[in-house]
PDB file of N, CA and C in Angstrom:
ATOM      1  N   MET A   1     -12.670 -25.039  20.300  1.00  0.00           N
ATOM      2  CA  MET A   1     -13.527 -26.186  20.174  1.00  0.00           C
ATOM      3  C   MET A   1     -14.692 -26.074  21.150  1.00  0.00           C
ATOM      4  N   SER A   2     -15.765 -26.689  20.796  1.00  0.00           N
ATOM      5  CA  SER A   2     -16.937 -26.627  21.661  1.00  0.00           C
ATOM      6  C   SER A   2     -16.881 -27.734  22.711  1.00  0.00           C
ATOM      7  N   VAL A   3     -17.731 -27.600  23.696  1.00  0.00           N
ATOM      8  CA  VAL A   3     -17.817 -28.595  24.761  1.00  0.00           C
ATOM      9  C   VAL A   3     -18.259 -29.942  24.191  1.00  0.00           C
ATOM     10  N   TYR A   4     -19.098 -29.936  23.197  1.00  0.00           N
ATOM     11  CA  TYR A   4     -19.585 -31.180  22.607  1.00  0.00           C
ATOM     12  C   TYR A   4     -18.461 -31.970  21.942  1.00  0.00           C
ATOM     13  N   ALA A   5     -17.493 -31.295  21.368  1.00  0.00           N
ATOM     14  CA  ALA A   5     -16.354 -31.995  20.755  1.00  0.00           C
ATOM     15  C   ALA A   5     -15.538 -32.708  21.830  1.00  0.00           C
ATOM     16  N   TYR A   6     -15.348 -32.050  22.968  1.00  0.00           N
ATOM     17  CA  TYR A   6     -14.625 -32.688  24.070  1.00  0.00           C
ATOM     18  C   TYR A   6     -15.390 -33.904  24.589  1.00  0.00           C
ATOM     19  N   ILE A   7     -16.680 -33.760  24.753  1.00  0.00           N
ATOM     20  CA  ILE A   7     -17.505 -34.865  25.240  1.00  0.00           C
ATOM     21  C   ILE A   7     -17.477 -36.026  24.254  1.00  0.00           C
ATOM     22  N   PHE A   8     -17.578 -35.750  22.977  1.00  0.00           N
ATOM     23  CA  PHE A   8     -17.528 -36.798  21.966  1.00  0.00           C
ATOM     24  C   PHE A   8     -16.179 -37.505  21.970  1.00  0.00           C
ATOM     25  N   THR A   9     -15.100 -36.741  22.090  1.00  0.00           N
ATOM     26  CA  THR A   9     -13.761 -37.329  22.108  1.00  0.00           C
ATOM     27  C   THR A   9     -13.597 -38.235  23.324  1.00  0.00           C
ATOM     28  N   MET A  10     -14.041 -37.783  24.489  1.00  0.00           N
ATOM     29  CA  MET A  10     -13.944 -38.617  25.691  1.00  0.00           C
ATOM     30  C   MET A  10     -14.777 -39.881  25.557  1.00  0.00           C
ATOM     31  N   ALA A  11     -15.957 -39.761  24.974  1.00  0.00           N
ATOM     32  CA  ALA A  11     -16.816 -40.926  24.791  1.00  0.00           C
ATOM     33  C   ALA A  11     -16.176 -41.918  23.822  1.00  0.00           C
ATOM     34  N   ALA A  12     -15.595 -41.421  22.752  1.00  0.00           N
ATOM     35  CA  ALA A  12     -14.962 -42.302  21.760  1.00  0.00           C
ATOM     36  C   ALA A  12     -13.765 -43.034  22.356  1.00  0.00           C
ATOM     37  N   VAL A  13     -12.939 -42.325  23.110  1.00  0.00           N
ATOM     38  CA  VAL A  13     -11.769 -42.958  23.729  1.00  0.00           C
ATOM     39  C   VAL A  13     -12.209 -44.000  24.748  1.00  0.00           C
ATOM     40  N   THR A  14     -13.208 -43.668  25.574  1.00  0.00           N
ATOM     41  CA  THR A  14     -13.707 -44.617  26.562  1.00  0.00           C
ATOM     42  C   THR A  14     -14.289 -45.849  25.888  1.00  0.00           C
ATOM     43  N   TYR A  15     -15.024 -45.658  24.815  1.00  0.00           N
ATOM     44  CA  TYR A  15     -15.609 -46.784  24.094  1.00  0.00           C
ATOM     45  C   TYR A  15     -14.516 -47.663  23.482  1.00  0.00           C
ATOM     46  N   MET A  16     -13.501 -47.050  22.893  1.00  0.00           N
ATOM     47  CA  MET A  16     -12.429 -47.828  22.265  1.00  0.00           C
ATOM     48  C   MET A  16     -11.670 -48.656  23.306  1.00  0.00           C
ATOM     49  N   ILE A  17     -11.433 -48.071  24.489  1.00  0.00           N
ATOM     50  CA  ILE A  17     -10.720 -48.807  25.535  1.00  0.00           C
ATOM     51  C   ILE A  17     -11.490 -50.061  25.924  1.00  0.00           C
ATOM     52  N   ARG A  18     -12.801 -49.984  25.893  1.00  0.00           N
ATOM     53  CA  ARG A  18     -13.611 -51.135  26.284  1.00  0.00           C
ATOM     54  C   ARG A  18     -13.906 -52.080  25.111  1.00  0.00           C
ATOM     55  N   ALA A  19     -14.034 -51.548  23.930  1.00  0.00           N
ATOM     56  CA  ALA A  19     -14.447 -52.361  22.785  1.00  0.00           C
ATOM     57  C   ALA A  19     -13.290 -53.103  22.114  1.00  0.00           C
ATOM     58  N   ILE A  20     -12.123 -52.507  22.083  1.00  0.00           N
ATOM     59  CA  ILE A  20     -11.000 -53.139  21.378  1.00  0.00           C
ATOM     60  C   ILE A  20     -10.627 -54.486  21.995  1.00  0.00           C
ATOM     61  N   PRO A  21     -10.481 -54.598  23.322  1.00  0.00           N
ATOM     62  CA  PRO A  21     -10.169 -55.935  23.862  1.00  0.00           C
ATOM     63  C   PRO A  21     -11.257 -56.963  23.571  1.00  0.00           C
ATOM     64  N   LEU A  22     -12.507 -56.542  23.546  1.00  0.00           N
ATOM     65  CA  LEU A  22     -13.586 -57.486  23.259  1.00  0.00           C
ATOM     66  C   LEU A  22     -13.550 -57.979  21.818  1.00  0.00           C
ATOM     67  N   THR A  23     -13.103 -57.156  20.906  1.00  0.00           N
ATOM     68  CA  THR A  23     -13.061 -57.562  19.502  1.00  0.00           C
ATOM     69  C   THR A  23     -11.784 -58.311  19.153  1.00  0.00           C
ATOM     70  N   ILE A  24     -10.684 -57.999  19.826  1.00  0.00           N
ATOM     71  CA  ILE A  24      -9.410 -58.650  19.503  1.00  0.00           C
ATOM     72  C   ILE A  24      -9.295 -60.008  20.191  1.00  0.00           C
ATOM     73  N   ILE A  25      -9.653 -60.071  21.470  1.00  0.00           N
ATOM     74  CA  ILE A  25      -9.508 -61.300  22.238  1.00  0.00           C
ATOM     75  C   ILE A  25     -10.852 -62.019  22.261  1.00  0.00           C
ATOM     76  N   ARG A  26     -10.975 -63.061  21.467  1.00  0.00           N
ATOM     77  CA  ARG A  26     -12.243 -63.779  21.373  1.00  0.00           C
ATOM     78  C   ARG A  26     -12.215 -65.121  22.107  1.00  0.00           C
ATOM     79  N   LYS A  27     -11.035 -65.675  22.306  1.00  0.00           N
ATOM     80  CA  LYS A  27     -10.968 -66.972  22.971  1.00  0.00           C
ATOM     81  C   LYS A  27     -10.564 -66.779  24.434  1.00  0.00           C
ATOM     82  N   LYS A  28     -10.698 -67.827  25.205  1.00  0.00           N
ATOM     83  CA  LYS A  28     -10.358 -67.771  26.623  1.00  0.00           C
ATOM     84  C   LYS A  28      -8.853 -67.595  26.792  1.00  0.00           C
ATOM     85  N   ILE A  29      -8.458 -66.760  27.744  1.00  0.00           N
ATOM     86  CA  ILE A  29      -7.045 -66.530  28.018  1.00  0.00           C
ATOM     87  C   ILE A  29      -6.506 -67.723  28.798  1.00  0.00           C
ATOM     88  N   GLU A  30      -5.519 -68.389  28.246  1.00  0.00           N
ATOM     89  CA  GLU A  30      -4.974 -69.600  28.845  1.00  0.00           C
ATOM     90  C   GLU A  30      -3.779 -69.335  29.762  1.00  0.00           C
ATOM     91  N   SER A  31      -3.082 -68.238  29.565  1.00  0.00           N
ATOM     92  CA  SER A  31      -1.886 -67.941  30.346  1.00  0.00           C
ATOM     93  C   SER A  31      -2.266 -67.644  31.798  1.00  0.00           C
ATOM     94  N   LYS A  32      -1.669 -68.413  32.728  1.00  0.00           N
ATOM     95  CA  LYS A  32      -1.958 -68.196  34.139  1.00  0.00           C
ATOM     96  C   LYS A  32      -1.449 -66.833  34.598  1.00  0.00           C
ATOM     97  N   PHE A  33      -0.309 -66.399  34.044  1.00  0.00           N
ATOM     98  CA  PHE A  33       0.255 -65.112  34.425  1.00  0.00           C
ATOM     99  C   PHE A  33      -0.667 -63.963  34.038  1.00  0.00           C
ATOM    100  N   ILE A  34      -1.157 -63.952  32.819  1.00  0.00           N
ATOM    101  CA  ILE A  34      -2.034 -62.880  32.352  1.00  0.00           C
ATOM    102  C   ILE A  34      -3.364 -62.917  33.104  1.00  0.00           C
ATOM    103  N   ARG A  35      -3.894 -64.101  33.340  1.00  0.00           N
ATOM    104  CA  ARG A  35      -5.154 -64.213  34.082  1.00  0.00           C
ATOM    105  C   ARG A  35      -5.003 -63.692  35.511  1.00  0.00           C
ATOM    106  N   SER A  36      -3.901 -64.034  36.182  1.00  0.00           N
ATOM    107  CA  SER A  36      -3.712 -63.533  37.545  1.00  0.00           C
ATOM    108  C   SER A  36      -3.455 -62.034  37.528  1.00  0.00           C
ATOM    109  N   PHE A  37      -2.744 -61.537  36.517  1.00  0.00           N
ATOM    110  CA  PHE A  37      -2.519 -60.098  36.391  1.00  0.00           C
ATOM    111  C   PHE A  37      -3.845 -59.364  36.235  1.00  0.00           C
ATOM    112  N   LEU A  38      -4.688 -59.838  35.353  1.00  0.00           N
ATOM    113  CA  LEU A  38      -5.983 -59.195  35.132  1.00  0.00           C
ATOM    114  C   LEU A  38      -6.907 -59.328  36.341  1.00  0.00           C
ATOM    115  N   TYR A  39      -6.743 -60.370  37.128  1.00  0.00           N
ATOM    116  CA  TYR A  39      -7.563 -60.554  38.327  1.00  0.00           C
ATOM    117  C   TYR A  39      -7.260 -59.475  39.363  1.00  0.00           C
ATOM    118  N   TYR A  40      -5.989 -59.104  39.509  1.00  0.00           N
ATOM    119  CA  TYR A  40      -5.602 -58.151  40.548  1.00  0.00           C
ATOM    120  C   TYR A  40      -5.629 -56.687  40.114  1.00  0.00           C
ATOM    121  N   VAL A  41      -5.824 -56.392  38.856  1.00  0.00           N
ATOM    122  CA  VAL A  41      -5.820 -55.009  38.376  1.00  0.00           C
ATOM    123  C   VAL A  41      -6.858 -54.135  39.092  1.00  0.00           C
ATOM    124  N   PRO A  42      -8.110 -54.566  39.275  1.00  0.00           N
ATOM    125  CA  PRO A  42      -9.063 -53.683  39.969  1.00  0.00           C
ATOM    126  C   PRO A  42      -8.663 -53.367  41.401  1.00  0.00           C
ATOM    127  N   TYR A  43      -8.102 -54.333  42.123  1.00  0.00           N
ATOM    128  CA  TYR A  43      -7.697 -54.106  43.503  1.00  0.00           C
ATOM    129  C   TYR A  43      -6.546 -53.115  43.592  1.00  0.00           C
ATOM    130  N   VAL A  44      -5.584 -53.260  42.717  1.00  0.00           N
ATOM    131  CA  VAL A  44      -4.435 -52.352  42.712  1.00  0.00           C
ATOM    132  C   VAL A  44      -4.873 -50.941  42.331  1.00  0.00           C
ATOM    133  N   THR A  45      -5.724 -50.833  41.341  1.00  0.00           N
ATOM    134  CA  THR A  45      -6.198 -49.524  40.911  1.00  0.00           C
ATOM    135  C   THR A  45      -6.962 -48.825  42.022  1.00  0.00           C
ATOM    136  N   LEU A  46      -7.847 -49.536  42.685  1.00  0.00           N
ATOM    137  CA  LEU A  46      -8.598 -48.953  43.797  1.00  0.00           C
ATOM    138  C   LEU A  46      -7.669 -48.536  44.923  1.00  0.00           C
ATOM    139  N   SER A  47      -6.674 -49.341  45.221  1.00  0.00           N
ATOM    140  CA  SER A  47      -5.719 -48.997  46.271  1.00  0.00           C
ATOM    141  C   SER A  47      -4.939 -47.740  45.926  1.00  0.00           C
ATOM    142  N   LEU A  48      -4.524 -47.619  44.679  1.00  0.00           N
ATOM    143  CA  LEU A  48      -3.777 -46.432  44.264  1.00  0.00           C
ATOM    144  C   LEU A  48      -4.624 -45.166  44.306  1.00  0.00           C
ATOM    145  N   ILE A  49      -5.912 -45.310  44.110  1.00  0.00           N
ATOM    146  CA  ILE A  49      -6.797 -44.148  44.177  1.00  0.00           C
ATOM    147  C   ILE A  49      -7.069 -43.750  45.624  1.00  0.00           C
ATOM    148  N   ILE A  50      -7.248 -44.730  46.495  1.00  0.00           N
ATOM    149  CA  ILE A  50      -7.669 -44.458  47.868  1.00  0.00           C
ATOM    150  C   ILE A  50      -6.512 -44.077  48.786  1.00  0.00           C
ATOM    151  N   PHE A  51      -5.346 -44.686  48.637  1.00  0.00           N
ATOM    152  CA  PHE A  51      -4.262 -44.495  49.600  1.00  0.00           C
ATOM    153  C   PHE A  51      -3.851 -43.030  49.794  1.00  0.00           C
ATOM    154  N   PRO A  52      -3.645 -42.238  48.753  1.00  0.00           N
ATOM    155  CA  PRO A  52      -3.289 -40.828  48.993  1.00  0.00           C
ATOM    156  C   PRO A  52      -4.383 -40.058  49.746  1.00  0.00           C
ATOM    157  N   SER A  53      -5.629 -40.414  49.496  1.00  0.00           N
ATOM    158  CA  SER A  53      -6.724 -39.749  50.203  1.00  0.00           C
ATOM    159  C   SER A  53      -6.718 -40.088  51.686  1.00  0.00           C
ATOM    160  N   ILE A  54      -6.329 -41.308  52.010  1.00  0.00           N
ATOM    161  CA  ILE A  54      -6.246 -41.704  53.415  1.00  0.00           C
ATOM    162  C   ILE A  54      -5.234 -40.831  54.142  1.00  0.00           C
ATOM    163  N   LEU A  55      -4.090 -40.607  53.535  1.00  0.00           N
ATOM    164  CA  LEU A  55      -3.033 -39.849  54.195  1.00  0.00           C
ATOM    165  C   LEU A  55      -3.359 -38.372  54.330  1.00  0.00           C
ATOM    166  N   LYS A  56      -4.236 -37.850  53.514  1.00  0.00           N
ATOM    167  CA  LYS A  56      -4.573 -36.421  53.556  1.00  0.00           C
ATOM    168  C   LYS A  56      -5.925 -36.144  54.201  1.00  0.00           C
ATOM    169  N   SER A  57      -6.574 -37.171  54.756  1.00  0.00           N
ATOM    170  CA  SER A  57      -7.944 -36.995  55.234  1.00  0.00           C
ATOM    171  C   SER A  57      -8.038 -36.455  56.658  1.00  0.00           C
ATOM    172  N   THR A  58      -6.952 -36.459  57.409  1.00  0.00           N
ATOM    173  CA  THR A  58      -6.992 -35.988  58.790  1.00  0.00           C
ATOM    174  C   THR A  58      -6.061 -34.798  58.967  1.00  0.00           C
ATOM    175  N   ASN A  59      -6.046 -34.276  60.196  1.00  0.00           N
ATOM    176  CA  ASN A  59      -5.202 -33.114  60.470  1.00  0.00           C
ATOM    177  C   ASN A  59      -3.726 -33.457  60.537  1.00  0.00           C
ATOM    178  N   SER A  60      -3.393 -34.682  60.888  1.00  0.00           N
ATOM    179  CA  SER A  60      -1.981 -35.052  60.965  1.00  0.00           C
ATOM    180  C   SER A  60      -1.747 -36.378  60.265  1.00  0.00           C
ATOM    181  N   LEU A  61      -0.526 -36.556  59.842  1.00  0.00           N
ATOM    182  CA  LEU A  61      -0.135 -37.793  59.166  1.00  0.00           C
ATOM    183  C   LEU A  61      -0.174 -38.973  60.133  1.00  0.00           C
ATOM    184  N   TYR A  62       0.131 -38.720  61.395  1.00  0.00           N
ATOM    185  CA  TYR A  62       0.169 -39.795  62.387  1.00  0.00           C
ATOM    186  C   TYR A  62      -1.226 -40.400  62.620  1.00  0.00           C
ATOM    187  N   SER A  63      -2.226 -39.556  62.709  1.00  0.00           N
ATOM    188  CA  SER A  63      -3.573 -40.092  62.911  1.00  0.00           C
ATOM    189  C   SER A  63      -4.061 -40.833  61.664  1.00  0.00           C
ATOM    190  N   ALA A  64      -3.685 -40.347  60.502  1.00  0.00           N
ATOM    191  CA  ALA A  64      -4.059 -41.046  59.267  1.00  0.00           C
ATOM    192  C   ALA A  64      -3.392 -42.415  59.202  1.00  0.00           C
ATOM    193  N   LEU A  65      -2.116 -42.477  59.574  1.00  0.00           N
ATOM    194  CA  LEU A  65      -1.422 -43.765  59.575  1.00  0.00           C
ATOM    195  C   LEU A  65      -1.998 -44.702  60.629  1.00  0.00           C
ATOM    196  N   ALA A  66      -2.387 -44.163  61.786  1.00  0.00           N
ATOM    197  CA  ALA A  66      -2.996 -44.997  62.822  1.00  0.00           C
ATOM    198  C   ALA A  66      -4.305 -45.603  62.322  1.00  0.00           C
ATOM    199  N   GLY A  67      -5.128 -44.806  61.663  1.00  0.00           N
ATOM    200  CA  GLY A  67      -6.375 -45.319  61.103  1.00  0.00           C
ATOM    201  C   GLY A  67      -6.133 -46.339  60.009  1.00  0.00           C
ATOM    202  N   PHE A  68      -5.147 -46.087  59.172  1.00  0.00           N
ATOM    203  CA  PHE A  68      -4.829 -47.012  58.083  1.00  0.00           C
ATOM    204  C   PHE A  68      -4.323 -48.343  58.630  1.00  0.00           C
ATOM    205  N   ILE A  69      -3.398 -48.291  59.579  1.00  0.00           N
ATOM    206  CA  ILE A  69      -2.852 -49.521  60.155  1.00  0.00           C
ATOM    207  C   ILE A  69      -3.940 -50.303  60.884  1.00  0.00           C
ATOM    208  N   THR A  70      -4.804 -49.588  61.597  1.00  0.00           N
ATOM    209  CA  THR A  70      -5.919 -50.254  62.272  1.00  0.00           C
ATOM    210  C   THR A  70      -6.828 -50.948  61.266  1.00  0.00           C
ATOM    211  N   ALA A  71      -7.117 -50.282  60.179  1.00  0.00           N
ATOM    212  CA  ALA A  71      -7.978 -50.874  59.147  1.00  0.00           C
ATOM    213  C   ALA A  71      -7.330 -52.111  58.535  1.00  0.00           C
ATOM    214  N   VAL A  72      -6.037 -52.054  58.281  1.00  0.00           N
ATOM    215  CA  VAL A  72      -5.340 -53.203  57.697  1.00  0.00           C
ATOM    216  C   VAL A  72      -5.360 -54.387  58.661  1.00  0.00           C
ATOM    217  N   VAL A  73      -5.101 -54.115  59.945  1.00  0.00           N
ATOM    218  CA  VAL A  73      -5.069 -55.205  60.927  1.00  0.00           C
ATOM    219  C   VAL A  73      -6.447 -55.835  61.078  1.00  0.00           C
ATOM    220  N   PHE A  74      -7.474 -55.010  61.225  1.00  0.00           N
ATOM    221  CA  PHE A  74      -8.822 -55.559  61.410  1.00  0.00           C
ATOM    222  C   PHE A  74      -9.298 -56.279  60.145  1.00  0.00           C
ATOM    223  N   SER A  75      -8.924 -55.783  58.985  1.00  0.00           N
ATOM    224  CA  SER A  75      -9.287 -56.472  57.740  1.00  0.00           C
ATOM    225  C   SER A  75      -8.590 -57.815  57.637  1.00  0.00           C
ATOM    226  N   TYR A  76      -7.328 -57.838  58.012  1.00  0.00           N
ATOM    227  CA  TYR A  76      -6.569 -59.086  57.970  1.00  0.00           C
ATOM    228  C   TYR A  76      -7.164 -60.124  58.919  1.00  0.00           C
ATOM    229  N   LEU A  77      -7.718 -59.656  60.041  1.00  0.00           N
ATOM    230  CA  LEU A  77      -8.332 -60.560  61.005  1.00  0.00           C
ATOM    231  C   LEU A  77      -9.715 -61.033  60.564  1.00  0.00           C
ATOM    232  N   GLY A  78     -10.205 -60.515  59.446  1.00  0.00           N
ATOM    233  CA  GLY A  78     -11.469 -60.976  58.885  1.00  0.00           C
ATOM    234  C   GLY A  78     -12.697 -60.307  59.466  1.00  0.00           C
ATOM    235  N   LYS A  79     -12.541 -59.143  60.042  1.00  0.00           N
ATOM    236  CA  LYS A  79     -13.683 -58.429  60.613  1.00  0.00           C
ATOM    237  C   LYS A  79     -14.537 -57.826  59.492  1.00  0.00           C
ATOM    238  N   SER A  80     -15.777 -57.479  59.839  1.00  0.00           N
ATOM    239  CA  SER A  80     -16.692 -56.916  58.842  1.00  0.00           C
ATOM    240  C   SER A  80     -16.283 -55.480  58.504  1.00  0.00           C
ATOM    241  N   LEU A  81     -16.814 -54.990  57.397  1.00  0.00           N
ATOM    242  CA  LEU A  81     -16.504 -53.635  56.957  1.00  0.00           C
ATOM    243  C   LEU A  81     -16.928 -52.603  57.994  1.00  0.00           C
ATOM    244  N   PHE A  82     -18.050 -52.836  58.648  1.00  0.00           N
ATOM    245  CA  PHE A  82     -18.523 -51.910  59.676  1.00  0.00           C
ATOM    246  C   PHE A  82     -17.548 -51.852  60.845  1.00  0.00           C
ATOM    247  N   ILE A  83     -17.098 -53.007  61.309  1.00  0.00           N
ATOM    248  CA  ILE A  83     -16.157 -53.060  62.426  1.00  0.00           C
ATOM    249  C   ILE A  83     -14.834 -52.397  62.037  1.00  0.00           C
ATOM    250  N   VAL A  84     -14.360 -52.646  60.848  1.00  0.00           N
ATOM    251  CA  VAL A  84     -13.109 -52.037  60.380  1.00  0.00           C
ATOM    252  C   VAL A  84     -13.241 -50.523  60.343  1.00  0.00           C
ATOM    253  N   SER A  85     -14.359 -50.023  59.847  1.00  0.00           N
ATOM    254  CA  SER A  85     -14.576 -48.576  59.770  1.00  0.00           C
ATOM    255  C   SER A  85     -14.649 -47.935  61.146  1.00  0.00           C
ATOM    256  N   VAL A  86     -15.399 -48.553  62.036  1.00  0.00           N
ATOM    257  CA  VAL A  86     -15.533 -48.002  63.390  1.00  0.00           C
ATOM    258  C   VAL A  86     -14.194 -48.023  64.113  1.00  0.00           C
ATOM    259  N   ALA A  87     -13.471 -49.116  64.017  1.00  0.00           N
ATOM    260  CA  ALA A  87     -12.168 -49.208  64.684  1.00  0.00           C
ATOM    261  C   ALA A  87     -11.187 -48.173  64.135  1.00  0.00           C
ATOM    262  N   SER A  88     -11.206 -47.959  62.836  1.00  0.00           N
ATOM    263  CA  SER A  88     -10.320 -46.961  62.233  1.00  0.00           C
ATOM    264  C   SER A  88     -10.681 -45.560  62.696  1.00  0.00           C
ATOM    265  N   CYS A  89     -11.956 -45.269  62.755  1.00  0.00           N
ATOM    266  CA  CYS A  89     -12.393 -43.944  63.217  1.00  0.00           C
ATOM    267  C   CYS A  89     -12.005 -43.722  64.676  1.00  0.00           C
ATOM    268  N   ILE A  90     -12.149 -44.752  65.496  1.00  0.00           N
ATOM    269  CA  ILE A  90     -11.769 -44.635  66.907  1.00  0.00           C
ATOM    270  C   ILE A  90     -10.255 -44.420  67.027  1.00  0.00           C
ATOM    271  N   ALA A  91      -9.474 -45.139  66.233  1.00  0.00           N
ATOM    272  CA  ALA A  91      -8.016 -44.973  66.274  1.00  0.00           C
ATOM    273  C   ALA A  91      -7.629 -43.560  65.876  1.00  0.00           C
ATOM    274  N   VAL A  92      -8.242 -43.038  64.830  1.00  0.00           N
ATOM    275  CA  VAL A  92      -7.944 -41.661  64.398  1.00  0.00           C
ATOM    276  C   VAL A  92      -8.353 -40.684  65.482  1.00  0.00           C
ATOM    277  N   PHE A  93      -9.495 -40.871  66.085  1.00  0.00           N
ATOM    278  CA  PHE A  93      -9.978 -39.983  67.141  1.00  0.00           C
ATOM    279  C   PHE A  93      -9.019 -39.967  68.329  1.00  0.00           C
ATOM    280  N   ILE A  94      -8.559 -41.139  68.748  1.00  0.00           N
ATOM    281  CA  ILE A  94      -7.646 -41.220  69.901  1.00  0.00           C
ATOM    282  C   ILE A  94      -6.317 -40.535  69.582  1.00  0.00           C
ATOM    283  N   VAL A  95      -5.781 -40.774  68.407  1.00  0.00           N
ATOM    284  CA  VAL A  95      -4.498 -40.151  68.050  1.00  0.00           C
ATOM    285  C   VAL A  95      -4.662 -38.629  67.882  1.00  0.00           C
ATOM    286  N   GLU A  96      -5.794 -38.185  67.371  1.00  0.00           N
ATOM    287  CA  GLU A  96      -6.038 -36.739  67.237  1.00  0.00           C
ATOM    288  C   GLU A  96      -6.115 -36.078  68.611  1.00  0.00           C
ATOM    289  N   ILE A  97      -6.681 -36.766  69.603  1.00  0.00           N
ATOM    290  CA  ILE A  97      -6.775 -36.201  70.951  1.00  0.00           C
ATOM    291  C   ILE A  97      -5.389 -36.079  71.565  1.00  0.00           C
ATOM    292  N   ILE A  98      -4.560 -37.110  71.348  1.00  0.00           N
ATOM    293  CA  ILE A  98      -3.202 -37.103  71.897  1.00  0.00           C
ATOM    294  C   ILE A  98      -2.388 -36.053  71.191  1.00  0.00           C
TER     295      ILE A  98
END
């Protein structure tokens, strides 16, 4: 098969994934369970993509976990993204030195 057939197939599948829900579901979703499920899907998907990369991004697992835990704590405390990033980098740097 040619490269164009693969590209067309990927485009068709991607389009169907997006178009079918729009054509089937025309009214507002009333179920609180389904609405809350759909609300959290992007966050869960992003977390599943990022978490393995966090653990493999440094020389040791301990420094990666230190950076991750630092980021979670600073995020929970409501700090800005810049502060969370800097604090995580500092935590990884300190653990890498040790």
